[in-house]
PDB file of N, CA and C in Angstrom:
ATOM      1  N   MET A   1       5.316   7.952  -0.511  1.00  0.00           N
ATOM      2  CA  MET A   1       4.300   7.310  -1.127  1.00  0.00           C
ATOM      3  C   MET A   1       4.161   8.543  -3.070  1.00  0.00           C
ATOM      4  N   PRO A   2       4.222   7.503  -4.149  1.00  0.00           N
ATOM      5  CA  PRO A   2       3.550   8.098  -5.183  1.00  0.00           C
ATOM      6  C   PRO A   2       2.797   8.470  -5.298  1.00  0.00           C
ATOM      7  N   GLN A   3       2.375   9.734  -5.903  1.00  0.00           N
ATOM      8  CA  GLN A   3       1.135  10.193  -5.849  1.00  0.00           C
ATOM      9  C   GLN A   3       0.348   9.640  -7.045  1.00  0.00           C
ATOM     10  N   CYS A   4      -1.023   9.134  -7.428  1.00  0.00           N
ATOM     11  CA  CYS A   4      -1.716   8.942  -7.879  1.00  0.00           C
ATOM     12  C   CYS A   4      -1.592   9.623  -9.838  1.00  0.00           C
ATOM     13  N   ASN A   5      -1.218   8.661 -10.840  1.00  0.00           N
ATOM     14  CA  ASN A   5      -1.363   9.061 -12.096  1.00  0.00           C
ATOM     15  C   ASN A   5      -2.150   8.304 -12.736  1.00  0.00           C
ATOM     16  N   ILE A   6      -2.378   7.621 -12.784  1.00  0.00           N
ATOM     17  CA  ILE A   6      -3.645   7.061 -13.373  1.00  0.00           C
ATOM     18  C   ILE A   6      -4.755   6.679 -13.234  1.00  0.00           C
ATOM     19  N   ASP A   7      -6.269   6.787 -14.132  1.00  0.00           N
ATOM     20  CA  ASP A   7      -7.461   6.350 -13.553  1.00  0.00           C
ATOM     21  C   ASP A   7      -7.272   5.445 -13.887  1.00  0.00           C
ATOM     22  N   ALA A   8      -9.058   4.439 -12.507  1.00  0.00           N
ATOM     23  CA  ALA A   8      -9.397   3.109 -12.441  1.00  0.00           C
ATOM     24  C   ALA A   8      -9.804   2.336 -13.188  1.00  0.00           C
ATOM     25  N   LYS A   9      -9.515   2.675 -14.845  1.00  0.00           N
ATOM     26  CA  LYS A   9      -9.487   1.443 -16.377  1.00  0.00           C
ATOM     27  C   LYS A   9      -7.244   1.766 -16.361  1.00  0.00           C
ATOM     28  N   GLY A  10      -7.052   2.624 -15.907  1.00  0.00           N
ATOM     29  CA  GLY A  10      -5.321   1.483 -15.886  1.00  0.00           C
ATOM     30  C   GLY A  10      -5.534   1.197 -15.448  1.00  0.00           C
ATOM     31  N   LYS A  11      -5.927   1.185 -13.899  1.00  0.00           N
ATOM     32  CA  LYS A  11      -5.018   0.550 -12.808  1.00  0.00           C
ATOM     33  C   LYS A  11      -5.021  -0.724 -13.513  1.00  0.00           C
ATOM     34  N   ALA A  12      -7.302  -1.276 -13.130  1.00  0.00           N
ATOM     35  CA  ALA A  12      -7.647  -2.640 -13.400  1.00  0.00           C
ATOM     36  C   ALA A  12      -6.819  -2.417 -15.252  1.00  0.00           C
ATOM     37  N   VAL A  13      -6.538  -2.039 -15.288  1.00  0.00           N
ATOM     38  CA  VAL A  13      -5.635  -2.624 -16.910  1.00  0.00           C
ATOM     39  C   VAL A  13      -4.582  -3.521 -16.240  1.00  0.00           C
ATOM     40  N   ARG A  14      -3.212  -2.943 -14.288  1.00  0.00           N
ATOM     41  CA  ARG A  14      -2.207  -3.312 -14.778  1.00  0.00           C
ATOM     42  C   ARG A  14      -2.429  -4.494 -13.918  1.00  0.00           C
ATOM     43  N   LEU A  15      -3.359  -3.911 -12.767  1.00  0.00           N
ATOM     44  CA  LEU A  15      -3.253  -5.275 -11.916  1.00  0.00           C
ATOM     45  C   LEU A  15      -4.077  -6.710 -12.570  1.00  0.00           C
ATOM     46  N   ILE A  16      -4.506  -6.653 -14.124  1.00  0.00           N
ATOM     47  CA  ILE A  16      -5.076  -7.600 -14.653  1.00  0.00           C
ATOM     48  C   ILE A  16      -3.901  -7.860 -15.214  1.00  0.00           C
ATOM     49  N   GLY A  17      -3.170  -7.821 -15.286  1.00  0.00           N
ATOM     50  CA  GLY A  17      -2.163  -7.636 -16.881  1.00  0.00           C
ATOM     51  C   GLY A  17      -0.955  -8.281 -15.847  1.00  0.00           C
ATOM     52  N   GLY A  18      -0.999  -8.086 -14.364  1.00  0.00           N
ATOM     53  CA  GLY A  18       0.613  -7.946 -13.290  1.00  0.00           C
ATOM     54  C   GLY A  18       0.146  -9.348 -13.230  1.00  0.00           C
ATOM     55  N   ILE A  19      -1.175  -9.592 -13.013  1.00  0.00           N
ATOM     56  CA  ILE A  19      -2.068 -11.229 -12.299  1.00  0.00           C
ATOM     57  C   ILE A  19      -0.501 -12.161 -13.105  1.00  0.00           C
ATOM     58  N   LEU A  20      -1.606 -11.316 -14.458  1.00  0.00           N
ATOM     59  CA  LEU A  20      -1.878 -12.731 -16.004  1.00  0.00           C
ATOM     60  C   LEU A  20      -0.468 -13.375 -15.409  1.00  0.00           C
ATOM     61  N   THR A  21       0.613 -12.360 -15.251  1.00  0.00           N
ATOM     62  CA  THR A  21       1.991 -12.258 -15.752  1.00  0.00           C
ATOM     63  C   THR A  21       2.637 -13.600 -14.581  1.00  0.00           C
ATOM     64  N   VAL A  22       1.781 -12.678 -13.354  1.00  0.00           N
ATOM     65  CA  VAL A  22       2.962 -13.672 -12.171  1.00  0.00           C
ATOM     66  C   VAL A  22       1.605 -15.305 -12.821  1.00  0.00           C
ATOM     67  N   VAL A  23       0.509 -15.667 -12.871  1.00  0.00           N
ATOM     68  CA  VAL A  23       0.587 -16.722 -13.212  1.00  0.00           C
ATOM     69  C   VAL A  23       0.544 -17.414 -14.136  1.00  0.00           C
ATOM     70  N   ALA A  24       1.339 -17.015 -15.253  1.00  0.00           N
ATOM     71  CA  ALA A  24       2.468 -17.681 -16.468  1.00  0.00           C
ATOM     72  C   ALA A  24       3.355 -17.502 -16.031  1.00  0.00           C
ATOM     73  N   SER A  25       4.171 -16.889 -14.964  1.00  0.00           N
ATOM     74  CA  SER A  25       5.466 -17.276 -14.362  1.00  0.00           C
ATOM     75  C   SER A  25       5.261 -18.641 -13.545  1.00  0.00           C
ATOM     76  N   ILE A  26       4.858 -18.302 -12.157  1.00  0.00           N
ATOM     77  CA  ILE A  26       4.765 -19.992 -12.231  1.00  0.00           C
ATOM     78  C   ILE A  26       4.166 -21.295 -12.957  1.00  0.00           C
ATOM     79  N   ILE A  27       3.065 -21.433 -13.604  1.00  0.00           N
ATOM     80  CA  ILE A  27       3.404 -22.122 -15.340  1.00  0.00           C
ATOM     81  C   ILE A  27       4.993 -22.205 -15.605  1.00  0.00           C
ATOM     82  N   ILE A  28       5.038 -21.347 -16.222  1.00  0.00           N
ATOM     83  CA  ILE A  28       6.282 -21.527 -16.941  1.00  0.00           C
ATOM     84  C   ILE A  28       7.492 -22.188 -15.382  1.00  0.00           C
ATOM     85  N   ALA A  29       7.019 -21.519 -14.407  1.00  0.00           N
ATOM     86  CA  ALA A  29       8.612 -22.512 -13.788  1.00  0.00           C
ATOM     87  C   ALA A  29       8.466 -24.195 -12.808  1.00  0.00           C
ATOM     88  N   GLY A  30       7.140 -24.677 -12.998  1.00  0.00           N
ATOM     89  CA  GLY A  30       6.225 -25.191 -12.875  1.00  0.00           C
ATOM     90  C   GLY A  30       6.488 -26.297 -14.318  1.00  0.00           C
ATOM     91  N   LEU A  31       6.465 -25.625 -15.891  1.00  0.00           N
ATOM     92  CA  LEU A  31       6.683 -26.166 -16.748  1.00  0.00           C
ATOM     93  C   LEU A  31       8.526 -27.458 -16.331  1.00  0.00           C
ATOM     94  N   ILE A  32       9.235 -26.652 -16.387  1.00  0.00           N
ATOM     95  CA  ILE A  32      10.979 -26.187 -16.015  1.00  0.00           C
ATOM     96  C   ILE A  32      11.391 -26.921 -15.660  1.00  0.00           C
ATOM     97  N   GLN A  33      10.148 -26.862 -14.340  1.00  0.00           N
ATOM     98  CA  GLN A  33      10.701 -27.734 -13.170  1.00  0.00           C
ATOM     99  C   GLN A  33      11.154 -29.268 -13.405  1.00  0.00           C
ATOM    100  N   PHE A  34       9.439 -29.673 -14.071  1.00  0.00           N
ATOM    101  CA  PHE A  34       8.821 -30.123 -14.637  1.00  0.00           C
ATOM    102  C   PHE A  34       9.108 -31.788 -15.592  1.00  0.00           C
ATOM    103  N   SER A  35      10.657 -30.664 -16.158  1.00  0.00           N
ATOM    104  CA  SER A  35      11.092 -30.445 -17.191  1.00  0.00           C
ATOM    105  C   SER A  35      10.732 -30.819 -19.038  1.00  0.00           C
ATOM    106  N   VAL A  36       9.888 -29.846 -19.330  1.00  0.00           N
ATOM    107  CA  VAL A  36       8.679 -29.769 -19.831  1.00  0.00           C
ATOM    108  C   VAL A  36       9.394 -29.163 -21.207  1.00  0.00           C
ATOM    109  N   ILE A  37       9.737 -28.123 -20.197  1.00  0.00           N
ATOM    110  CA  ILE A  37      10.936 -26.724 -20.499  1.00  0.00           C
ATOM    111  C   ILE A  37      12.098 -27.046 -20.845  1.00  0.00           C
ATOM    112  N   PRO A  38      13.036 -27.302 -21.085  1.00  0.00           N
ATOM    113  CA  PRO A  38      14.307 -27.190 -20.756  1.00  0.00           C
ATOM    114  C   PRO A  38      14.793 -26.593 -20.144  1.00  0.00           C
ATOM    115  N   SER A  39      15.597 -26.988 -18.762  1.00  0.00           N
ATOM    116  CA  SER A  39      15.729 -25.869 -18.429  1.00  0.00           C
ATOM    117  C   SER A  39      18.058 -25.516 -18.788  1.00  0.00           C
ATOM    118  N   GLY A  40      17.887 -24.602 -18.370  1.00  0.00           N
ATOM    119  CA  GLY A  40      19.537 -23.302 -18.406  1.00  0.00           C
ATOM    120  C   GLY A  40      18.999 -22.298 -17.643  1.00  0.00           C
ATOM    121  N   GLN A  41      20.106 -21.070 -17.539  1.00  0.00           N
ATOM    122  CA  GLN A  41      20.340 -20.129 -16.784  1.00  0.00           C
ATOM    123  C   GLN A  41      19.391 -19.226 -17.441  1.00  0.00           C
ATOM    124  N   ILE A  42      19.211 -19.406 -19.022  1.00  0.00           N
ATOM    125  CA  ILE A  42      18.692 -18.183 -19.641  1.00  0.00           C
ATOM    126  C   ILE A  42      16.251 -18.772 -19.445  1.00  0.00           C
ATOM    127  N   SER A  43      15.938 -19.598 -18.563  1.00  0.00           N
ATOM    128  CA  SER A  43      14.631 -19.569 -19.088  1.00  0.00           C
ATOM    129  C   SER A  43      14.521 -19.134 -17.322  1.00  0.00           C
ATOM    130  N   TRP A  44      15.274 -19.834 -16.096  1.00  0.00           N
ATOM    131  CA  TRP A  44      15.078 -19.346 -15.173  1.00  0.00           C
ATOM    132  C   TRP A  44      14.580 -17.888 -14.995  1.00  0.00           C
ATOM    133  N   LEU A  45      16.517 -17.072 -15.210  1.00  0.00           N
ATOM    134  CA  LEU A  45      15.707 -16.121 -15.949  1.00  0.00           C
ATOM    135  C   LEU A  45      15.222 -14.854 -15.620  1.00  0.00           C
ATOM    136  N   THR A  46      14.571 -15.628 -16.561  1.00  0.00           N
ATOM    137  CA  THR A  46      13.040 -15.382 -17.799  1.00  0.00           C
ATOM    138  C   THR A  46      11.830 -15.345 -16.957  1.00  0.00           C
ATOM    139  N   VAL A  47      11.917 -16.282 -16.223  1.00  0.00           N
ATOM    140  CA  VAL A  47      10.556 -15.836 -14.894  1.00  0.00           C
ATOM    141  C   VAL A  47      10.498 -15.783 -13.696  1.00  0.00           C
ATOM    142  N   ILE A  48      12.050 -15.145 -13.403  1.00  0.00           N
ATOM    143  CA  ILE A  48      11.849 -14.375 -12.457  1.00  0.00           C
ATOM    144  C   ILE A  48      11.770 -12.779 -12.743  1.00  0.00           C
ATOM    145  N   ALA A  49      12.267 -12.367 -13.911  1.00  0.00           N
ATOM    146  CA  ALA A  49      11.775 -10.877 -14.319  1.00  0.00           C
ATOM    147  C   ALA A  49      10.815 -11.014 -14.858  1.00  0.00           C
ATOM    148  N   MET A  50       9.736 -12.025 -15.218  1.00  0.00           N
ATOM    149  CA  MET A  50       8.318 -12.313 -15.838  1.00  0.00           C
ATOM    150  C   MET A  50       7.018 -11.652 -14.281  1.00  0.00           C
ATOM    151  N   MET A  51       8.185 -12.159 -12.738  1.00  0.00           N
ATOM    152  CA  MET A  51       7.773 -12.197 -11.848  1.00  0.00           C
ATOM    153  C   MET A  51       7.610 -11.122 -11.505  1.00  0.00           C
ATOM    154  N   PHE A  52       9.019 -10.600 -10.984  1.00  0.00           N
ATOM    155  CA  PHE A  52       8.917  -9.143 -10.393  1.00  0.00           C
ATOM    156  C   PHE A  52       8.917  -7.994 -12.078  1.00  0.00           C
ATOM    157  N   GLY A  53       8.564  -8.983 -12.507  1.00  0.00           N
ATOM    158  CA  GLY A  53       7.051  -7.211 -13.622  1.00  0.00           C
ATOM    159  C   GLY A  53       5.828  -7.428 -13.683  1.00  0.00           C
ATOM    160  N   GLY A  54       5.486  -8.216 -12.751  1.00  0.00           N
ATOM    161  CA  GLY A  54       4.515  -9.991 -12.898  1.00  0.00           C
ATOM    162  C   GLY A  54       3.480  -8.669 -11.654  1.00  0.00           C
ATOM    163  N   LEU A  55       4.582  -8.270 -10.552  1.00  0.00           N
ATOM    164  CA  LEU A  55       4.280  -8.030  -9.567  1.00  0.00           C
ATOM    165  C   LEU A  55       4.208  -6.490  -9.379  1.00  0.00           C
ATOM    166  N   PHE A  56       5.566  -6.033 -10.328  1.00  0.00           N
ATOM    167  CA  PHE A  56       5.572  -4.468 -10.218  1.00  0.00           C
ATOM    168  C   PHE A  56       4.237  -4.412 -10.579  1.00  0.00           C
ATOM    169  N   ALA A  57       4.155  -4.654 -11.479  1.00  0.00           N
ATOM    170  CA  ALA A  57       2.338  -4.532 -12.338  1.00  0.00           C
ATOM    171  C   ALA A  57       1.410  -4.682 -11.219  1.00  0.00           C
ATOM    172  N   ILE A  58       0.842  -4.819 -10.226  1.00  0.00           N
ATOM    173  CA  ILE A  58       0.282  -5.378  -9.449  1.00  0.00           C
ATOM    174  C   ILE A  58       0.822  -3.932  -8.576  1.00  0.00           C
ATOM    175  N   TYR A  59       1.500  -3.556  -7.181  1.00  0.00           N
ATOM    176  CA  TYR A  59       1.795  -2.529  -6.880  1.00  0.00           C
ATOM    177  C   TYR A  59       1.122  -1.161  -8.040  1.00  0.00           C
ATOM    178  N   GLU A  60       1.321  -1.548  -9.414  1.00  0.00           N
ATOM    179  CA  GLU A  60       0.863   0.140  -9.785  1.00  0.00           C
ATOM    180  C   GLU A  60      -0.218   0.513  -9.629  1.00  0.00           C
ATOM    181  N   GLY A  61      -0.930  -1.109 -10.508  1.00  0.00           N
ATOM    182  CA  GLY A  61      -1.800  -0.885 -10.094  1.00  0.00           C
ATOM    183  C   GLY A  61      -3.095  -0.652  -8.861  1.00  0.00           C
ATOM    184  N   ARG A  62      -2.297  -1.486  -7.923  1.00  0.00           N
ATOM    185  CA  ARG A  62      -2.678  -1.217  -6.793  1.00  0.00           C
ATOM    186  C   ARG A  62      -2.439  -0.085  -5.969  1.00  0.00           C
ATOM    187  N   THR A  63      -1.603   1.318  -6.553  1.00  0.00           N
ATOM    188  CA  THR A  63      -1.485   2.272  -6.165  1.00  0.00           C
ATOM    189  C   THR A  63      -1.504   3.427  -6.822  1.00  0.00           C
ATOM    190  N   GLY A  64      -2.354   3.020  -8.185  1.00  0.00           N
ATOM    191  CA  GLY A  64      -2.651   3.988  -8.839  1.00  0.00           C
ATOM    192  C   GLY A  64      -1.313   4.942  -9.677  1.00  0.00           C
ATOM    193  N   TRP A  65      -0.077   4.030  -9.948  1.00  0.00           N
ATOM    194  CA  TRP A  65       1.106   5.070  -9.871  1.00  0.00           C
ATOM    195  C   TRP A  65       2.045   4.515 -11.042  1.00  0.00           C
ATOM    196  N   CYS A  66       1.700   4.671 -12.267  1.00  0.00           N
ATOM    197  CA  CYS A  66       2.434   4.479 -13.075  1.00  0.00           C
ATOM    198  C   CYS A  66       4.468   4.862 -13.030  1.00  0.00           C
ATOM    199  N   VAL A  67       5.232   4.087 -13.665  1.00  0.00           N
ATOM    200  CA  VAL A  67       6.858   4.726 -13.315  1.00  0.00           C
ATOM    201  C   VAL A  67       6.662   5.219 -14.843  1.00  0.00           C
ATOM    202  N   VAL A  68       5.907   4.968 -15.808  1.00  0.00           N
ATOM    203  CA  VAL A  68       6.367   5.794 -17.132  1.00  0.00           C
ATOM    204  C   VAL A  68       5.946   6.939 -17.065  1.00  0.00           C
ATOM    205  N   ARG A  69       4.050   7.074 -16.380  1.00  0.00           N
ATOM    206  CA  ARG A  69       3.407   9.180 -16.697  1.00  0.00           C
ATOM    207  C   ARG A  69       4.341   9.233 -15.928  1.00  0.00           C
ATOM    208  N   ALA A  70       4.919   8.986 -14.985  1.00  0.00           N
ATOM    209  CA  ALA A  70       6.347   9.764 -13.196  1.00  0.00           C
ATOM    210  C   ALA A  70       6.939  10.699 -14.141  1.00  0.00           C
ATOM    211  N   MET A  71       7.913   9.837 -15.022  1.00  0.00           N
ATOM    212  CA  MET A  71       8.707   9.813 -16.169  1.00  0.00           C
ATOM    213  C   MET A  71       8.211  10.895 -17.255  1.00  0.00           C
ATOM    214  N   GLY A  72       7.184  11.268 -16.888  1.00  0.00           N
ATOM    215  CA  GLY A  72       6.425  12.107 -18.123  1.00  0.00           C
ATOM    216  C   GLY A  72       6.231  11.614 -19.646  1.00  0.00           C
ATOM    217  N   PHE A  73       5.303  10.929 -20.186  1.00  0.00           N
ATOM    218  CA  PHE A  73       5.519   9.612 -21.232  1.00  0.00           C
ATOM    219  C   PHE A  73       3.731   9.800 -20.809  1.00  0.00           C
ATOM    220  N   LYS A  74       3.773   9.953 -21.924  1.00  0.00           N
ATOM    221  CA  LYS A  74       2.031   9.616 -21.924  1.00  0.00           C
ATOM    222  C   LYS A  74       1.009   8.031 -22.419  1.00  0.00           C
ATOM    223  N   THR A  75       0.371   7.904 -21.876  1.00  0.00           N
ATOM    224  CA  THR A  75       0.496   6.273 -22.175  1.00  0.00           C
ATOM    225  C   THR A  75      -1.159   6.254 -22.299  1.00  0.00           C
ATOM    226  N   PRO A  76      -1.408   5.614 -23.292  1.00  0.00           N
ATOM    227  CA  PRO A  76      -2.713   5.279 -23.543  1.00  0.00           C
ATOM    228  C   PRO A  76      -4.171   5.078 -22.531  1.00  0.00           C
ATOM    229  N   LEU A  77      -3.297   4.379 -21.428  1.00  0.00           N
ATOM    230  CA  LEU A  77      -4.507   4.275 -20.203  1.00  0.00           C
ATOM    231  C   LEU A  77      -4.191   4.710 -18.862  1.00  0.00           C
TER     232      LEU A  77
END
């Protein structure tokens, strides 16, 4: 289990940001599916990348662990 390396404010920011990113990726996927946005390989890869990034941010927010801080970088939150 990763060791907690962020405070409550950092957890909240990562959790809310992750949830918003997942919701945005679902909306964009719907827009692509119903041909509001032209579909293509790049657009679906973008949706997948957004979903993965959002889910990872939610994981960071829930566990209190930040991968960037674990690598030794200082983050403002």
